[in-house]
Amino acid sequence: MGKPRRKRKLIVGALALLGAALFGRTFLAAPLDPPPLLTAPLPVASPPAEMSLVRLPTGITHRSAGLAYRGGSLLEERDFAMTAVLVRHPKGDLLVDTGFGRDIDAHFRAMPAWFRALTSFEKGRPAADQLEATGYDRARLRGILLTHAHWDHVSGIPDFPGTPVLVTAEEKRFIADGGFLTVVARGFDSARYETYDFEGGDYLGFPRSHDVYGDGAVVVVPAPGHTPGSVIVFVTLPGSRRYAFVGDLAWQREGVLEREERPWGQRALADQDDASVRENLLRMSAITTRLPDLVLVPAHDARGFAGIPGL
């Protein structure tokens, strides 16, 4: 009986080593094939002279480059930004995501124990408090435009009572049945989730679009994959400065610029549809090649927000 038992142990040990080796390979660089060049003309935009952007940093989580994109170092610490952006427009302002809100501690406790064990964060000042300190007129706020409905993007919603929260129909359904991923968004009894349609056609290679103000200044395109109703928000300022707020399509800019998806373990936990994420990464890669001056702003990359003025 001793020899069969030793043999089984050797086999189990060998399989464990093989599994660890295969898992380790999922962190190695594996860039997606380059997409076809984007040759479409630039979309027309007529942003009003009064339009501007303001960044509202609300905190950080502690991660590493290696957890954000394949090829990144697990030893390179990265502070993942939790930043809302206020779009000022004469037809009414928009808040793109909210970052951490006043009740972030309670929202964090609503997440599963294993998630809390793997996540550490530092609180900043909630977006609502930052705006109130400047005497901001809440009547100017047209809505909160979510890139998607995960906890760290929605925590500040209760701080803006009565303000419409703009989501796609797919994301509204995901809030209702997304399990622990949307438990925080689902818990806001007073939230006014309102859906919008993609009535517009092609925008920089994305097949559908929604022009928020009708002037090309803020255009939303569907970018499912991370969640079913994830979106990208393109903003064009006076002087033709263009921004792409890509949400969690990529956690860091390298995801788009180096065409590197998240490591397998992170994809398994965070993404709903790997193939759609890859497709949209390649769309954004083609856009950044076509528009080298485009400011690429993943929701958790502080470098993308650095050039946006703060309050």
C-alpha atoms as a PDB file:
ATOM      1  CA  MET A   1       0.000   0.000   0.000  1.00  0.00           C
ATOM      2  CA  GLY A   2       2.949   2.367   0.600  1.00  0.00           C
ATOM      3  CA  LYS A   3       4.067   2.573  -3.018  1.00  0.00           C
ATOM      4  CA  PRO A   4       0.633   3.499  -4.501  1.00  0.00           C
ATOM      5  CA  ARG A   5       0.230   6.167  -1.801  1.00  0.00           C
ATOM      6  CA  ARG A   6       3.648   7.660  -2.576  1.00  0.00           C
ATOM      7  CA  LYS A   7       2.857   7.538  -6.271  1.00  0.00           C
ATOM      8  CA  ARG A   8      -0.395   9.441  -5.735  1.00  0.00           C
ATOM      9  CA  LYS A   9       1.455  12.072  -3.702  1.00  0.00           C
ATOM     10  CA  LEU A  10       4.024  12.487  -6.465  1.00  0.00           C
ATOM     11  CA  ILE A  11       1.274  12.859  -9.067  1.00  0.00           C
ATOM     12  CA  VAL A  12      -0.622  15.416  -6.948  1.00  0.00           C
ATOM     13  CA  GLY A  13       2.593  17.342  -6.317  1.00  0.00           C
ATOM     14  CA  ALA A  14       3.464  17.367 -10.007  1.00  0.00           C
ATOM     15  CA  LEU A  15      -0.028  18.554 -10.939  1.00  0.00           C
ATOM     16  CA  ALA A  16       0.167  21.302  -8.320  1.00  0.00           C
ATOM     17  CA  LEU A  17       3.490  22.503  -9.711  1.00  0.00           C
ATOM     18  CA  LEU A  18       2.104  22.411 -13.247  1.00  0.00           C
ATOM     19  CA  GLY A  19      -0.966  24.390 -12.197  1.00  0.00           C
ATOM     20  CA  ALA A  20       1.170  26.992 -10.438  1.00  0.00           C
ATOM     21  CA  ALA A  21       3.368  27.319 -13.521  1.00  0.00           C
ATOM     22  CA  LEU A  22       0.370  27.732 -15.818  1.00  0.00           C
ATOM     23  CA  PHE A  23      -1.203  30.284 -13.466  1.00  0.00           C
ATOM     24  CA  GLY A  24       2.067  32.214 -13.335  1.00  0.00           C
ATOM     25  CA  ARG A  25       2.124  32.400 -17.126  1.00  0.00           C
ATOM     26  CA  THR A  26      -1.169  34.312 -17.087  1.00  0.00           C
ATOM     27  CA  PHE A  27       0.723  37.311 -15.667  1.00  0.00           C
ATOM     28  CA  LEU A  28       3.236  37.370 -18.530  1.00  0.00           C
ATOM     29  CA  ALA A  29       2.941  39.902 -21.333  1.00  0.00           C
ATOM     30  CA  ALA A  30       0.721  38.665 -24.176  1.00  0.00           C
ATOM     31  CA  PRO A  31      -0.309  41.660 -26.285  1.00  0.00           C
ATOM     32  CA  LEU A  32      -3.363  41.289 -28.461  1.00  0.00           C
ATOM     33  CA  ASP A  33      -2.801  41.526 -32.209  1.00  0.00           C
ATOM     34  CA  PRO A  34      -2.864  45.120 -33.497  1.00  0.00           C
ATOM     35  CA  PRO A  35      -6.276  46.209 -34.789  1.00  0.00           C
ATOM     36  CA  PRO A  36      -6.861  47.586 -38.300  1.00  0.00           C
ATOM     37  CA  LEU A  37      -6.118  51.286 -38.674  1.00  0.00           C
ATOM     38  CA  LEU A  38      -9.014  53.617 -38.009  1.00  0.00           C
ATOM     39  CA  THR A  39      -9.520  55.805 -41.068  1.00  0.00           C
ATOM     40  CA  ALA A  40     -12.931  57.337 -40.366  1.00  0.00           C
ATOM     41  CA  PRO A  41     -13.098  61.135 -40.192  1.00  0.00           C
ATOM     42  CA  LEU A  42     -13.128  62.745 -36.762  1.00  0.00           C
ATOM     43  CA  PRO A  43     -16.606  63.301 -35.318  1.00  0.00           C
ATOM     44  CA  VAL A  44     -17.838  66.880 -35.426  1.00  0.00           C
ATOM     45  CA  ALA A  45     -18.048  68.594 -32.041  1.00  0.00           C
ATOM     46  CA  SER A  46     -19.082  72.134 -31.098  1.00  0.00           C
ATOM     47  CA  PRO A  47     -18.442  72.393 -27.354  1.00  0.00           C
ATOM     48  CA  PRO A  48     -19.593  75.694 -25.829  1.00  0.00           C
ATOM     49  CA  ALA A  49     -16.921  78.096 -24.644  1.00  0.00           C
ATOM     50  CA  GLU A  50     -18.120  77.772 -21.027  1.00  0.00           C
ATOM     51  CA  MET A  51     -17.564  74.009 -20.939  1.00  0.00           C
ATOM     52  CA  SER A  52     -14.835  72.581 -18.670  1.00  0.00           C
ATOM     53  CA  LEU A  53     -13.786  69.561 -16.608  1.00  0.00           C
ATOM     54  CA  VAL A  54     -12.985  69.258 -12.898  1.00  0.00           C
ATOM     55  CA  ARG A  55     -11.497  66.205 -11.181  1.00  0.00           C
ATOM     56  CA  LEU A  56     -12.727  65.201  -7.730  1.00  0.00           C
ATOM     57  CA  PRO A  57     -10.364  62.631  -6.168  1.00  0.00           C
ATOM     58  CA  THR A  58     -12.115  60.677  -3.393  1.00  0.00           C
ATOM     59  CA  GLY A  59      -9.534  58.079  -2.352  1.00  0.00           C
ATOM     60  CA  ILE A  60      -7.341  55.228  -3.540  1.00  0.00           C
ATOM     61  CA  THR A  61      -7.022  51.462  -3.341  1.00  0.00           C
ATOM     62  CA  HIS A  62      -3.650  49.718  -3.143  1.00  0.00           C
ATOM     63  CA  ARG A  63      -2.833  47.315  -5.974  1.00  0.00           C
ATOM     64  CA  SER A  64       0.100  46.443  -8.224  1.00  0.00           C
ATOM     65  CA  ALA A  65       0.817  46.862 -11.906  1.00  0.00           C
ATOM     66  CA  GLY A  66       0.900  43.085 -12.313  1.00  0.00           C
ATOM     67  CA  LEU A  67      -2.712  42.766 -11.188  1.00  0.00           C
ATOM     68  CA  ALA A  68      -3.847  45.470 -13.602  1.00  0.00           C
ATOM     69  CA  TYR A  69      -2.508  44.197 -16.924  1.00  0.00           C
ATOM     70  CA  ARG A  70      -0.497  41.293 -18.299  1.00  0.00           C
ATOM     71  CA  GLY A  71       3.203  42.103 -18.328  1.00  0.00           C
ATOM     72  CA  GLY A  72       3.021  44.451 -15.354  1.00  0.00           C
ATOM     73  CA  SER A  73       5.234  43.783 -12.360  1.00  0.00           C
ATOM     74  CA  LEU A  74       3.611  42.340  -9.251  1.00  0.00           C
ATOM     75  CA  LEU A  75       6.282  44.216  -7.281  1.00  0.00           C
ATOM     76  CA  GLU A  76       5.382  47.626  -8.734  1.00  0.00           C
ATOM     77  CA  GLU A  77       2.887  49.239  -6.384  1.00  0.00           C
ATOM     78  CA  ARG A  78       0.119  51.279  -7.986  1.00  0.00           C
ATOM     79  CA  ASP A  79      -2.378  53.468  -6.186  1.00  0.00           C
ATOM     80  CA  PHE A  80      -5.658  52.951  -8.029  1.00  0.00           C
ATOM     81  CA  ALA A  81      -7.496  56.261  -8.270  1.00  0.00           C
ATOM     82  CA  MET A  82     -11.097  56.642  -7.135  1.00  0.00           C
ATOM     83  CA  THR A  83     -11.922  59.894  -8.890  1.00  0.00           C
ATOM     84  CA  ALA A  84     -15.153  61.504 -10.061  1.00  0.00           C
ATOM     85  CA  VAL A  85     -15.148  64.051 -12.889  1.00  0.00           C
ATOM     86  CA  LEU A  86     -17.499  67.008 -13.120  1.00  0.00           C
ATOM     87  CA  VAL A  87     -18.361  68.028 -16.683  1.00  0.00           C
ATOM     88  CA  ARG A  88     -19.486  71.661 -16.657  1.00  0.00           C
ATOM     89  CA  HIS A  89     -21.845  72.496 -19.514  1.00  0.00           C
ATOM     90  CA  PRO A  90     -24.363  75.328 -20.009  1.00  0.00           C
ATOM     91  CA  LYS A  91     -27.151  72.779 -20.532  1.00  0.00           C
ATOM     92  CA  GLY A  92     -26.502  71.195 -17.145  1.00  0.00           C
ATOM     93  CA  ASP A  93     -23.499  69.514 -15.527  1.00  0.00           C
ATOM     94  CA  LEU A  94     -22.697  65.815 -15.393  1.00  0.00           C
ATOM     95  CA  LEU A  95     -20.788  63.865 -12.770  1.00  0.00           C
ATOM     96  CA  VAL A  96     -18.974  60.926 -14.371  1.00  0.00           C
ATOM     97  CA  ASP A  97     -18.939  58.253 -11.633  1.00  0.00           C
ATOM     98  CA  THR A  98     -18.823  59.241  -7.960  1.00  0.00           C
ATOM     99  CA  GLY A  99     -15.825  57.520  -6.418  1.00  0.00           C
ATOM    100  CA  PHE A 100     -15.984  56.931  -2.670  1.00  0.00           C
ATOM    101  CA  GLY A 101     -18.942  58.518  -0.913  1.00  0.00           C
ATOM    102  CA  ARG A 102     -19.633  59.552   2.657  1.00  0.00           C
ATOM    103  CA  ASP A 103     -20.715  56.016   3.614  1.00  0.00           C
ATOM    104  CA  ILE A 104     -17.859  54.165   1.932  1.00  0.00           C
ATOM    105  CA  ASP A 105     -17.061  52.187   5.112  1.00  0.00           C
ATOM    106  CA  ALA A 106     -20.571  50.720   5.186  1.00  0.00           C
ATOM    107  CA  HIS A 107     -20.472  50.085   1.441  1.00  0.00           C
ATOM    108  CA  PHE A 108     -17.168  48.250   1.793  1.00  0.00           C
ATOM    109  CA  ARG A 109     -18.597  46.076   4.576  1.00  0.00           C
ATOM    110  CA  ALA A 110     -21.358  44.999   2.192  1.00  0.00           C
ATOM    111  CA  MET A 111     -18.774  43.282  -0.009  1.00  0.00           C
ATOM    112  CA  PRO A 112     -17.829  39.610   0.607  1.00  0.00           C
ATOM    113  CA  ALA A 113     -15.242  38.818   3.291  1.00  0.00           C
ATOM    114  CA  TRP A 114     -12.757  37.408   0.773  1.00  0.00           C
ATOM    115  CA  PHE A 115     -12.947  40.638  -1.249  1.00  0.00           C
ATOM    116  CA  ARG A 116     -12.373  42.776   1.842  1.00  0.00           C
ATOM    117  CA  ALA A 117      -9.379  40.630   2.769  1.00  0.00           C
ATOM    118  CA  LEU A 118      -7.796  41.296  -0.628  1.00  0.00           C
ATOM    119  CA  THR A 119      -8.589  45.023  -0.760  1.00  0.00           C
ATOM    120  CA  SER A 120      -7.185  47.946   1.209  1.00  0.00           C
ATOM    121  CA  PHE A 121      -8.149  51.534   0.586  1.00  0.00           C
ATOM    122  CA  GLU A 122      -7.646  55.066   1.810  1.00  0.00           C
ATOM    123  CA  LYS A 123     -10.502  57.525   1.999  1.00  0.00           C
ATOM    124  CA  GLY A 124     -10.271  61.012   0.573  1.00  0.00           C
ATOM    125  CA  ARG A 125     -12.906  63.718   0.628  1.00  0.00           C
ATOM    126  CA  PRO A 126     -16.229  62.706  -0.964  1.00  0.00           C
ATOM    127  CA  ALA A 127     -17.149  64.508  -4.182  1.00  0.00           C
ATOM    128  CA  ALA A 128     -20.292  65.980  -2.626  1.00  0.00           C
ATOM    129  CA  ASP A 129     -18.287  67.536   0.204  1.00  0.00           C
ATOM    130  CA  GLN A 130     -15.759  68.984  -2.232  1.00  0.00           C
ATOM    131  CA  LEU A 131     -18.500  70.608  -4.280  1.00  0.00           C
ATOM    132  CA  GLU A 132     -20.356  71.946  -1.246  1.00  0.00           C
ATOM    133  CA  ALA A 133     -17.161  73.538   0.072  1.00  0.00           C
ATOM    134  CA  THR A 134     -16.997  75.672  -3.074  1.00  0.00           C
ATOM    135  CA  GLY A 135     -20.668  76.689  -2.898  1.00  0.00           C
ATOM    136  CA  TYR A 136     -21.561  74.602  -5.933  1.00  0.00           C
ATOM    137  CA  ASP A 137     -25.213  74.969  -6.951  1.00  0.00           C
ATOM    138  CA  ARG A 138     -26.694  71.440  -6.967  1.00  0.00           C
ATOM    139  CA  ALA A 139     -29.412  72.670  -9.305  1.00  0.00           C
ATOM    140  CA  ARG A 140     -26.763  72.742 -12.050  1.00  0.00           C
ATOM    141  CA  LEU A 141     -26.212  68.986 -11.802  1.00  0.00           C
ATOM    142  CA  ARG A 142     -28.126  67.319 -14.621  1.00  0.00           C
ATOM    143  CA  GLY A 143     -27.204  63.781 -13.653  1.00  0.00           C
ATOM    144  CA  ILE A 144     -24.632  61.211 -12.536  1.00  0.00           C
ATOM    145  CA  LEU A 145     -23.360  59.318 -15.567  1.00  0.00           C
ATOM    146  CA  LEU A 146     -21.990  55.912 -14.555  1.00  0.00           C
ATOM    147  CA  THR A 147     -19.345  54.125 -16.602  1.00  0.00           C
ATOM    148  CA  HIS A 148     -20.608  51.027 -14.745  1.00  0.00           C
ATOM    149  CA  ALA A 149     -22.178  50.102 -11.419  1.00  0.00           C
ATOM    150  CA  HIS A 150     -19.423  48.518  -9.316  1.00  0.00           C
ATOM    151  CA  TRP A 151     -19.080  49.594  -5.669  1.00  0.00           C
ATOM    152  CA  ASP A 152     -16.170  51.990  -6.108  1.00  0.00           C
ATOM    153  CA  HIS A 153     -17.967  53.919  -8.871  1.00  0.00           C
ATOM    154  CA  VAL A 154     -21.344  54.307  -7.167  1.00  0.00           C
ATOM    155  CA  SER A 155     -20.568  54.861  -3.482  1.00  0.00           C
ATOM    156  CA  GLY A 156     -21.293  58.595  -3.677  1.00  0.00           C
ATOM    157  CA  ILE A 157     -24.773  58.282  -5.207  1.00  0.00           C
ATOM    158  CA  PRO A 158     -26.631  58.711  -1.870  1.00  0.00           C
ATOM    159  CA  ASP A 159     -24.737  61.983  -1.336  1.00  0.00           C
ATOM    160  CA  PHE A 160     -26.672  63.488  -4.272  1.00  0.00           C
ATOM    161  CA  PRO A 161     -30.328  62.795  -3.339  1.00  0.00           C
ATOM    162  CA  GLY A 162     -32.784  63.318  -6.155  1.00  0.00           C
ATOM    163  CA  THR A 163     -30.115  63.499  -8.853  1.00  0.00           C
ATOM    164  CA  PRO A 164     -30.830  61.122 -11.777  1.00  0.00           C
ATOM    165  CA  VAL A 165     -28.308  58.306 -12.178  1.00  0.00           C
ATOM    166  CA  LEU A 166     -27.865  57.628 -15.892  1.00  0.00           C
ATOM    167  CA  VAL A 167     -27.188  54.022 -16.937  1.00  0.00           C
ATOM    168  CA  THR A 168     -27.816  51.788 -19.906  1.00  0.00           C
ATOM    169  CA  ALA A 169     -30.747  49.383 -19.776  1.00  0.00           C
ATOM    170  CA  GLU A 170     -28.273  46.487 -19.599  1.00  0.00           C
ATOM    171  CA  GLU A 171     -26.528  48.015 -16.590  1.00  0.00           C
ATOM    172  CA  LYS A 172     -29.799  48.691 -14.815  1.00  0.00           C
ATOM    173  CA  ARG A 173     -30.630  44.987 -15.156  1.00  0.00           C
ATOM    174  CA  PHE A 174     -27.142  44.129 -13.932  1.00  0.00           C
ATOM    175  CA  ILE A 175     -27.682  46.263 -10.826  1.00  0.00           C
ATOM    176  CA  ALA A 176     -30.763  44.173 -10.063  1.00  0.00           C
ATOM    177  CA  ASP A 177     -29.184  40.743 -10.598  1.00  0.00           C
ATOM    178  CA  GLY A 178     -25.398  41.225 -10.451  1.00  0.00           C
ATOM    179  CA  GLY A 179     -24.881  39.466  -7.129  1.00  0.00           C
ATOM    180  CA  PHE A 180     -22.135  40.834  -4.881  1.00  0.00           C
ATOM    181  CA  LEU A 181     -20.726  42.916  -7.739  1.00  0.00           C
ATOM    182  CA  THR A 182     -23.683  45.303  -7.582  1.00  0.00           C
ATOM    183  CA  VAL A 183     -24.828  44.802  -3.995  1.00  0.00           C
ATOM    184  CA  VAL A 184     -23.884  48.400  -3.143  1.00  0.00           C
ATOM    185  CA  ALA A 185     -25.743  49.981  -6.068  1.00  0.00           C
ATOM    186  CA  ARG A 186     -28.716  47.715  -5.402  1.00  0.00           C
ATOM    187  CA  GLY A 187     -28.921  48.927  -1.815  1.00  0.00           C
ATOM    188  CA  PHE A 188     -29.704  52.568  -2.631  1.00  0.00           C
ATOM    189  CA  ASP A 189     -33.464  52.664  -2.165  1.00  0.00           C
ATOM    190  CA  SER A 190     -33.706  56.338  -3.086  1.00  0.00           C
ATOM    191  CA  ALA A 191     -31.496  56.199  -6.185  1.00  0.00           C
ATOM    192  CA  ARG A 192     -33.193  57.378  -9.406  1.00  0.00           C
ATOM    193  CA  TYR A 193     -31.701  55.056 -12.025  1.00  0.00           C
ATOM    194  CA  GLU A 194     -32.692  56.321 -15.471  1.00  0.00           C
ATOM    195  CA  THR A 195     -31.816  54.640 -18.759  1.00  0.00           C
ATOM    196  CA  TYR A 196     -30.843  56.211 -22.056  1.00  0.00           C
ATOM    197  CA  ASP A 197     -30.695  54.863 -25.608  1.00  0.00           C
ATOM    198  CA  PHE A 198     -27.928  54.806 -28.181  1.00  0.00           C
ATOM    199  CA  GLU A 199     -29.799  56.639 -30.906  1.00  0.00           C
ATOM    200  CA  GLY A 200     -26.686  57.751 -32.777  1.00  0.00           C
ATOM    201  CA  GLY A 201     -24.609  55.844 -35.288  1.00  0.00           C
ATOM    202  CA  ASP A 202     -20.910  55.015 -35.559  1.00  0.00           C
ATOM    203  CA  TYR A 203     -18.493  56.960 -33.361  1.00  0.00           C
ATOM    204  CA  LEU A 204     -14.764  56.321 -33.854  1.00  0.00           C
ATOM    205  CA  GLY A 205     -15.369  52.673 -34.675  1.00  0.00           C
ATOM    206  CA  PHE A 206     -18.010  52.022 -32.019  1.00  0.00           C
ATOM    207  CA  PRO A 207     -21.221  51.072 -33.850  1.00  0.00           C
ATOM    208  CA  ARG A 208     -23.657  53.078 -31.679  1.00  0.00           C
ATOM    209  CA  SER A 209     -23.526  56.290 -29.679  1.00  0.00           C
ATOM    210  CA  HIS A 210     -25.461  58.720 -27.506  1.00  0.00           C
ATOM    211  CA  ASP A 211     -24.799  62.464 -27.846  1.00  0.00           C
ATOM    212  CA  VAL A 212     -25.752  63.813 -24.410  1.00  0.00           C
ATOM    213  CA  TYR A 213     -26.092  67.502 -25.319  1.00  0.00           C
ATOM    214  CA  GLY A 214     -26.552  67.243 -29.078  1.00  0.00           C
ATOM    215  CA  ASP A 215     -23.377  69.224 -29.773  1.00  0.00           C
ATOM    216  CA  GLY A 216     -20.801  66.412 -29.876  1.00  0.00           C
ATOM    217  CA  ALA A 217     -19.199  67.611 -26.635  1.00  0.00           C
ATOM    218  CA  VAL A 218     -20.087  64.497 -24.602  1.00  0.00           C
ATOM    219  CA  VAL A 219     -20.708  61.272 -26.484  1.00  0.00           C
ATOM    220  CA  VAL A 220     -21.295  57.916 -24.789  1.00  0.00           C
ATOM    221  CA  VAL A 221     -20.686  54.582 -26.534  1.00  0.00           C
ATOM    222  CA  PRO A 222     -21.537  51.063 -25.318  1.00  0.00           C
ATOM    223  CA  ALA A 223     -18.462  49.075 -24.265  1.00  0.00           C
ATOM    224  CA  PRO A 224     -19.759  45.906 -22.589  1.00  0.00           C
ATOM    225  CA  GLY A 225     -17.536  43.212 -21.196  1.00  0.00           C
ATOM    226  CA  HIS A 226     -16.391  44.316 -17.771  1.00  0.00           C
ATOM    227  CA  THR A 227     -20.098  44.605 -16.990  1.00  0.00           C
ATOM    228  CA  PRO A 228     -23.012  44.091 -19.408  1.00  0.00           C
ATOM    229  CA  GLY A 229     -23.767  47.810 -19.636  1.00  0.00           C
ATOM    230  CA  SER A 230     -20.327  49.405 -19.335  1.00  0.00           C
ATOM    231  CA  VAL A 231     -19.785  52.547 -21.394  1.00  0.00           C
ATOM    232  CA  ILE A 232     -17.009  54.856 -22.545  1.00  0.00           C
ATOM    233  CA  VAL A 233     -17.529  58.613 -22.288  1.00  0.00           C
ATOM    234  CA  PHE A 234     -15.822  60.778 -24.921  1.00  0.00           C
ATOM    235  CA  VAL A 235     -15.507  64.460 -24.034  1.00  0.00           C
ATOM    236  CA  THR A 236     -14.387  67.225 -26.375  1.00  0.00           C
ATOM    237  CA  LEU A 237     -13.531  70.584 -24.814  1.00  0.00           C
ATOM    238  CA  PRO A 238     -13.246  74.006 -26.485  1.00  0.00           C
ATOM    239  CA  GLY A 239     -10.008  74.016 -28.447  1.00  0.00           C
ATOM    240  CA  SER A 240     -10.647  70.396 -29.506  1.00  0.00           C
ATOM    241  CA  ARG A 241      -8.963  68.780 -26.491  1.00  0.00           C
ATOM    242  CA  ARG A 242     -10.378  65.253 -26.413  1.00  0.00           C
ATOM    243  CA  TYR A 243     -10.726  62.840 -23.497  1.00  0.00           C
ATOM    244  CA  ALA A 244     -11.821  59.203 -23.315  1.00  0.00           C
ATOM    245  CA  PHE A 245     -13.135  58.088 -19.923  1.00  0.00           C
ATOM    246  CA  VAL A 246     -12.980  54.332 -20.436  1.00  0.00           C
ATOM    247  CA  GLY A 247     -14.185  53.203 -17.002  1.00  0.00           C
ATOM    248  CA  ASP A 248     -12.790  49.771 -16.133  1.00  0.00           C
ATOM    249  CA  LEU A 249     -12.269  48.605 -19.702  1.00  0.00           C
ATOM    250  CA  ALA A 250      -8.641  48.789 -18.554  1.00  0.00           C
ATOM    251  CA  TRP A 251      -7.508  49.506 -15.005  1.00  0.00           C
ATOM    252  CA  GLN A 252      -4.315  51.200 -16.182  1.00  0.00           C
ATOM    253  CA  ARG A 253      -3.365  52.890 -19.462  1.00  0.00           C
ATOM    254  CA  GLU A 254      -1.061  50.042 -20.472  1.00  0.00           C
ATOM    255  CA  GLY A 255      -4.120  47.883 -20.970  1.00  0.00           C
ATOM    256  CA  VAL A 256      -5.045  49.972 -24.001  1.00  0.00           C
ATOM    257  CA  LEU A 257      -1.670  51.320 -25.122  1.00  0.00           C
ATOM    258  CA  GLU A 258       0.056  47.923 -24.913  1.00  0.00           C
ATOM    259  CA  ARG A 259      -3.099  45.923 -25.774  1.00  0.00           C
ATOM    260  CA  GLU A 260      -2.767  43.869 -22.609  1.00  0.00           C
ATOM    261  CA  GLU A 261      -5.833  42.416 -20.948  1.00  0.00           C
ATOM    262  CA  ARG A 262      -6.069  41.686 -17.242  1.00  0.00           C
ATOM    263  CA  PRO A 263      -4.388  38.516 -15.919  1.00  0.00           C
ATOM    264  CA  TRP A 264      -6.639  35.462 -15.955  1.00  0.00           C
ATOM    265  CA  GLY A 265      -7.459  35.526 -12.237  1.00  0.00           C
ATOM    266  CA  GLN A 266      -8.488  39.190 -12.344  1.00  0.00           C
ATOM    267  CA  ARG A 267     -10.605  38.602 -15.453  1.00  0.00           C
ATOM    268  CA  ALA A 268     -12.334  35.667 -13.792  1.00  0.00           C
ATOM    269  CA  LEU A 269     -13.279  37.811 -10.801  1.00  0.00           C
ATOM    270  CA  ALA A 270     -14.012  41.127 -12.477  1.00  0.00           C
ATOM    271  CA  ASP A 271     -15.100  40.695 -16.103  1.00  0.00           C
ATOM    272  CA  GLN A 272     -18.438  39.373 -17.357  1.00  0.00           C
ATOM    273  CA  ASP A 273     -17.347  38.753 -20.971  1.00  0.00           C
ATOM    274  CA  ASP A 274     -13.644  38.405 -21.863  1.00  0.00           C
ATOM    275  CA  ALA A 275     -14.224  38.483 -25.609  1.00  0.00           C
ATOM    276  CA  SER A 276     -16.109  41.784 -25.470  1.00  0.00           C
ATOM    277  CA  VAL A 277     -13.392  43.342 -23.309  1.00  0.00           C
ATOM    278  CA  ARG A 278     -10.771  42.334 -25.881  1.00  0.00           C
ATOM    279  CA  GLU A 279     -12.868  43.705 -28.737  1.00  0.00           C
ATOM    280  CA  ASN A 280     -13.286  47.066 -27.028  1.00  0.00           C
ATOM    281  CA  LEU A 281      -9.639  47.225 -25.968  1.00  0.00           C
ATOM    282  CA  LEU A 282      -8.708  46.901 -29.627  1.00  0.00           C
ATOM    283  CA  ARG A 283     -11.226  49.581 -30.623  1.00  0.00           C
ATOM    284  CA  MET A 284      -9.656  51.959 -28.118  1.00  0.00           C
ATOM    285  CA  SER A 285      -6.171  50.957 -29.273  1.00  0.00           C
ATOM    286  CA  ALA A 286      -7.095  51.947 -32.844  1.00  0.00           C
ATOM    287  CA  ILE A 287      -8.491  55.260 -31.586  1.00  0.00           C
ATOM    288  CA  THR A 288      -5.341  56.139 -29.639  1.00  0.00           C
ATOM    289  CA  THR A 289      -3.284  55.440 -32.763  1.00  0.00           C
ATOM    290  CA  ARG A 290      -5.611  57.637 -34.841  1.00  0.00           C
ATOM    291  CA  LEU A 291      -5.707  60.372 -32.168  1.00  0.00           C
ATOM    292  CA  PRO A 292      -2.300  60.489 -30.456  1.00  0.00           C
ATOM    293  CA  ASP A 293      -3.293  63.605 -28.479  1.00  0.00           C
ATOM    294  CA  LEU A 294      -6.355  61.924 -26.986  1.00  0.00           C
ATOM    295  CA  VAL A 295      -6.209  61.920 -23.176  1.00  0.00           C
ATOM    296  CA  LEU A 296      -6.878  58.329 -22.150  1.00  0.00           C
ATOM    297  CA  VAL A 297      -8.488  58.120 -18.701  1.00  0.00           C
ATOM    298  CA  PRO A 298      -9.027  54.648 -17.216  1.00  0.00           C
ATOM    299  CA  ALA A 299     -11.105  55.088 -14.077  1.00  0.00           C
ATOM    300  CA  HIS A 300      -8.308  53.911 -11.754  1.00  0.00           C
ATOM    301  CA  ASP A 301      -5.224  55.436 -13.411  1.00  0.00           C
ATOM    302  CA  ALA A 302      -4.128  58.647 -11.696  1.00  0.00           C
ATOM    303  CA  ARG A 303      -2.008  59.586 -14.716  1.00  0.00           C
ATOM    304  CA  GLY A 304      -5.106  60.110 -16.845  1.00  0.00           C
ATOM    305  CA  PHE A 305      -6.619  62.526 -14.327  1.00  0.00           C
ATOM    306  CA  ALA A 306      -3.418  64.468 -13.696  1.00  0.00           C
ATOM    307  CA  GLY A 307      -4.021  67.068 -16.401  1.00  0.00           C
ATOM    308  CA  ILE A 308      -7.617  67.781 -15.370  1.00  0.00           C
ATOM    309  CA  PRO A 309      -7.903  70.772 -13.013  1.00  0.00           C
ATOM    310  CA  GLY A 310      -9.072  70.165  -9.468  1.00  0.00           C
ATOM    311  CA  LEU A 311     -11.252  72.398  -7.344  1.00  0.00           C
END
